[in-house]
Amino acid sequence: MLLADDQLRSDIADQYLIAGELALDGRVRAIKGALSMSILARDNGFRGLIVPRENAEEAAIVQDVEVYAVSSLTEAVGFLAGQLPLEPMVVDLEKLFGAAGRHSVLTLCPSTSARANVSR
């Protein structure tokens, strides 16, 4: 709304998908579906995604899309206006999923030889 009403001027706003619930006091509340939003942003050629701080780690699991965490509308506007530098969220997948994550792979192959090749 701020962009449409010319209250915010930004050269980069069209490069970002923005998701969050805006509270009356300007805080940005957590949402459901941040992972799906991140996939949507990546698949539709957005440079990045701006989400509530509580959702940033979930959204940052997706590769090839920058995820920025904000706590308020003021932070989001500052970032989009180029007045507030934010660092993209970085998630260490090894730390997040641990060694067990590497062993919990579902293999769906038609033959035994194909399963053997996939597991190598």
C-alpha atoms as a PDB file:
ATOM      1  CA  MET A   1       0.000   0.000   0.000  1.00  0.00           C
ATOM      2  CA  LEU A   2       2.852   2.355   0.791  1.00  0.00           C
ATOM      3  CA  LEU A   3       4.336   1.802  -2.663  1.00  0.00           C
ATOM      4  CA  ALA A   4       1.011   2.223  -4.466  1.00  0.00           C
ATOM      5  CA  ASP A   5       0.294   5.443  -2.548  1.00  0.00           C
ATOM      6  CA  ASP A   6       3.824   6.822  -3.225  1.00  0.00           C
ATOM      7  CA  GLN A   7       4.580   6.967   0.501  1.00  0.00           C
ATOM      8  CA  LEU A   8       7.565   4.695  -0.133  1.00  0.00           C
ATOM      9  CA  ARG A   9       9.942   5.065  -3.016  1.00  0.00           C
ATOM     10  CA  SER A  10      12.072   2.036  -3.705  1.00  0.00           C
ATOM     11  CA  ASP A  11      14.126   0.831  -6.646  1.00  0.00           C
ATOM     12  CA  ILE A  12      14.288  -2.693  -5.230  1.00  0.00           C
ATOM     13  CA  ALA A  13      10.782  -3.407  -3.895  1.00  0.00           C
ATOM     14  CA  ASP A  14       9.731  -5.305  -7.017  1.00  0.00           C
ATOM     15  CA  GLN A  15      12.615  -7.745  -6.435  1.00  0.00           C
ATOM     16  CA  TYR A  16      11.196  -8.978  -3.113  1.00  0.00           C
ATOM     17  CA  LEU A  17       8.188 -10.965  -2.031  1.00  0.00           C
ATOM     18  CA  ILE A  18       6.932  -9.640   1.316  1.00  0.00           C
ATOM     19  CA  ALA A  19       4.918 -11.721   3.773  1.00  0.00           C
ATOM     20  CA  GLY A  20       3.810 -11.078   7.324  1.00  0.00           C
ATOM     21  CA  GLU A  21       0.932 -10.031   9.509  1.00  0.00           C
ATOM     22  CA  LEU A  22       1.008  -6.350  10.398  1.00  0.00           C
ATOM     23  CA  ALA A  23      -0.141  -5.493  13.923  1.00  0.00           C
ATOM     24  CA  LEU A  24      -1.805  -2.151  14.680  1.00  0.00           C
ATOM     25  CA  ASP A  25       1.338  -0.986  16.506  1.00  0.00           C
ATOM     26  CA  GLY A  26       3.561  -1.603  13.448  1.00  0.00           C
ATOM     27  CA  ARG A  27       5.091  -4.881  14.585  1.00  0.00           C
ATOM     28  CA  VAL A  28       5.238  -7.724  12.097  1.00  0.00           C
ATOM     29  CA  ARG A  29       3.809 -10.978  13.413  1.00  0.00           C
ATOM     30  CA  ALA A  30       4.730 -14.534  12.459  1.00  0.00           C
ATOM     31  CA  ILE A  31       2.872 -16.265   9.665  1.00  0.00           C
ATOM     32  CA  LYS A  32       2.228 -19.823   8.562  1.00  0.00           C
ATOM     33  CA  GLY A  33       3.712 -21.000   5.278  1.00  0.00           C
ATOM     34  CA  ALA A  34       7.029 -19.142   5.237  1.00  0.00           C
ATOM     35  CA  LEU A  35       8.746 -22.118   3.620  1.00  0.00           C
ATOM     36  CA  SER A  36       6.142 -22.180   0.842  1.00  0.00           C
ATOM     37  CA  MET A  37       6.517 -18.417   0.369  1.00  0.00           C
ATOM     38  CA  SER A  38      10.266 -18.836   0.004  1.00  0.00           C
ATOM     39  CA  ILE A  39       9.822 -21.532  -2.637  1.00  0.00           C
ATOM     40  CA  LEU A  40       7.305 -19.303  -4.427  1.00  0.00           C
ATOM     41  CA  ALA A  41       9.746 -16.382  -4.375  1.00  0.00           C
ATOM     42  CA  ARG A  42      12.566 -18.507  -5.786  1.00  0.00           C
ATOM     43  CA  ASP A  43      10.425 -20.158  -8.457  1.00  0.00           C
ATOM     44  CA  ASN A  44       9.054 -16.806  -9.644  1.00  0.00           C
ATOM     45  CA  GLY A  45      12.424 -15.109  -9.981  1.00  0.00           C
ATOM     46  CA  PHE A  46      12.330 -12.850  -6.943  1.00  0.00           C
ATOM     47  CA  ARG A  47      15.703 -11.874  -5.533  1.00  0.00           C
ATOM     48  CA  GLY A  48      14.487 -12.374  -1.998  1.00  0.00           C
ATOM     49  CA  LEU A  49      11.808 -12.627   0.614  1.00  0.00           C
ATOM     50  CA  ILE A  50      11.062 -10.335   3.551  1.00  0.00           C
ATOM     51  CA  VAL A  51       9.397 -12.147   6.457  1.00  0.00           C
ATOM     52  CA  PRO A  52       8.827 -11.748  10.185  1.00  0.00           C
ATOM     53  CA  ARG A  53      11.911 -12.503  12.278  1.00  0.00           C
ATOM     54  CA  GLU A  54      10.203 -15.588  13.743  1.00  0.00           C
ATOM     55  CA  ASN A  55       9.850 -17.108  10.254  1.00  0.00           C
ATOM     56  CA  ALA A  56      13.240 -16.253   8.786  1.00  0.00           C
ATOM     57  CA  GLU A  57      15.073 -19.465   9.657  1.00  0.00           C
ATOM     58  CA  GLU A  58      12.293 -21.604   8.166  1.00  0.00           C
ATOM     59  CA  ALA A  59      12.222 -19.552   4.964  1.00  0.00           C
ATOM     60  CA  ALA A  60      16.024 -19.512   4.632  1.00  0.00           C
ATOM     61  CA  ILE A  61      16.142 -23.280   4.168  1.00  0.00           C
ATOM     62  CA  VAL A  62      15.356 -22.684   0.488  1.00  0.00           C
ATOM     63  CA  GLN A  63      18.480 -22.173  -1.595  1.00  0.00           C
ATOM     64  CA  ASP A  64      18.890 -19.430  -4.225  1.00  0.00           C
ATOM     65  CA  VAL A  65      16.661 -16.849  -2.532  1.00  0.00           C
ATOM     66  CA  GLU A  66      17.752 -14.238   0.017  1.00  0.00           C
ATOM     67  CA  VAL A  67      15.642 -14.101   3.169  1.00  0.00           C
ATOM     68  CA  TYR A  68      15.500 -10.943   5.281  1.00  0.00           C
ATOM     69  CA  ALA A  69      14.030 -10.874   8.774  1.00  0.00           C
ATOM     70  CA  VAL A  70      12.117  -7.858  10.056  1.00  0.00           C
ATOM     71  CA  SER A  71      10.380  -7.146  13.340  1.00  0.00           C
ATOM     72  CA  SER A  72       8.407  -4.097  12.258  1.00  0.00           C
ATOM     73  CA  LEU A  73       7.015  -2.186   9.311  1.00  0.00           C
ATOM     74  CA  THR A  74       9.643   0.472  10.028  1.00  0.00           C
ATOM     75  CA  GLU A  75      12.443  -2.053   9.427  1.00  0.00           C
ATOM     76  CA  ALA A  76      10.872  -3.306   6.189  1.00  0.00           C
ATOM     77  CA  VAL A  77      10.381   0.230   4.876  1.00  0.00           C
ATOM     78  CA  GLY A  78      13.927   1.209   5.879  1.00  0.00           C
ATOM     79  CA  PHE A  79      15.362  -1.786   4.038  1.00  0.00           C
ATOM     80  CA  LEU A  80      13.317  -1.210   0.888  1.00  0.00           C
ATOM     81  CA  ALA A  81      14.150   2.506   0.900  1.00  0.00           C
ATOM     82  CA  GLY A  82      17.868   1.697   1.152  1.00  0.00           C
ATOM     83  CA  GLN A  83      18.185   3.393   4.552  1.00  0.00           C
ATOM     84  CA  LEU A  84      18.542   0.273   6.707  1.00  0.00           C
ATOM     85  CA  PRO A  85      21.078  -2.347   5.665  1.00  0.00           C
ATOM     86  CA  LEU A  86      20.009  -5.882   6.555  1.00  0.00           C
ATOM     87  CA  GLU A  87      21.993  -9.080   6.180  1.00  0.00           C
ATOM     88  CA  PRO A  88      20.259 -12.068   4.621  1.00  0.00           C
ATOM     89  CA  MET A  89      19.501 -14.948   6.973  1.00  0.00           C
ATOM     90  CA  VAL A  90      21.944 -17.832   6.632  1.00  0.00           C
ATOM     91  CA  VAL A  91      20.983 -21.297   7.815  1.00  0.00           C
ATOM     92  CA  ASP A  92      23.520 -24.049   8.434  1.00  0.00           C
ATOM     93  CA  LEU A  93      21.565 -27.048   7.147  1.00  0.00           C
ATOM     94  CA  GLU A  94      24.034 -29.504   8.682  1.00  0.00           C
ATOM     95  CA  LYS A  95      23.522 -27.947  12.090  1.00  0.00           C
ATOM     96  CA  LEU A  96      19.769 -27.639  11.606  1.00  0.00           C
ATOM     97  CA  PHE A  97      19.152 -31.213  10.474  1.00  0.00           C
ATOM     98  CA  GLY A  98      22.250 -32.895  11.887  1.00  0.00           C
ATOM     99  CA  ALA A  99      23.824 -36.116  10.727  1.00  0.00           C
ATOM    100  CA  ALA A 100      20.530 -37.982  11.063  1.00  0.00           C
ATOM    101  CA  GLY A 101      19.107 -35.886   8.250  1.00  0.00           C
ATOM    102  CA  ARG A 102      21.524 -37.447   5.802  1.00  0.00           C
ATOM    103  CA  HIS A 103      20.325 -40.951   6.615  1.00  0.00           C
ATOM    104  CA  SER A 104      16.598 -40.264   6.508  1.00  0.00           C
ATOM    105  CA  VAL A 105      16.252 -40.187   2.742  1.00  0.00           C
ATOM    106  CA  LEU A 106      13.234 -41.823   1.162  1.00  0.00           C
ATOM    107  CA  THR A 107      14.287 -43.743  -1.932  1.00  0.00           C
ATOM    108  CA  LEU A 108      11.584 -44.499  -4.474  1.00  0.00           C
ATOM    109  CA  CYS A 109      13.018 -46.556  -7.316  1.00  0.00           C
ATOM    110  CA  PRO A 110      11.469 -49.270  -9.457  1.00  0.00           C
ATOM    111  CA  SER A 111      14.262 -51.804  -9.136  1.00  0.00           C
ATOM    112  CA  THR A 112      16.807 -53.037  -6.630  1.00  0.00           C
ATOM    113  CA  SER A 113      19.735 -52.059  -8.868  1.00  0.00           C
ATOM    114  CA  ALA A 114      18.421 -48.500  -9.150  1.00  0.00           C
ATOM    115  CA  ARG A 115      18.107 -48.271  -5.361  1.00  0.00           C
ATOM    116  CA  ALA A 116      21.688 -49.474  -5.026  1.00  0.00           C
ATOM    117  CA  ASN A 117      22.887 -46.759  -7.418  1.00  0.00           C
ATOM    118  CA  VAL A 118      20.932 -44.026  -5.640  1.00  0.00           C
ATOM    119  CA  SER A 119      22.220 -45.003  -2.206  1.00  0.00           C
ATOM    120  CA  ARG A 120      25.841 -44.713  -3.346  1.00  0.00           C
END
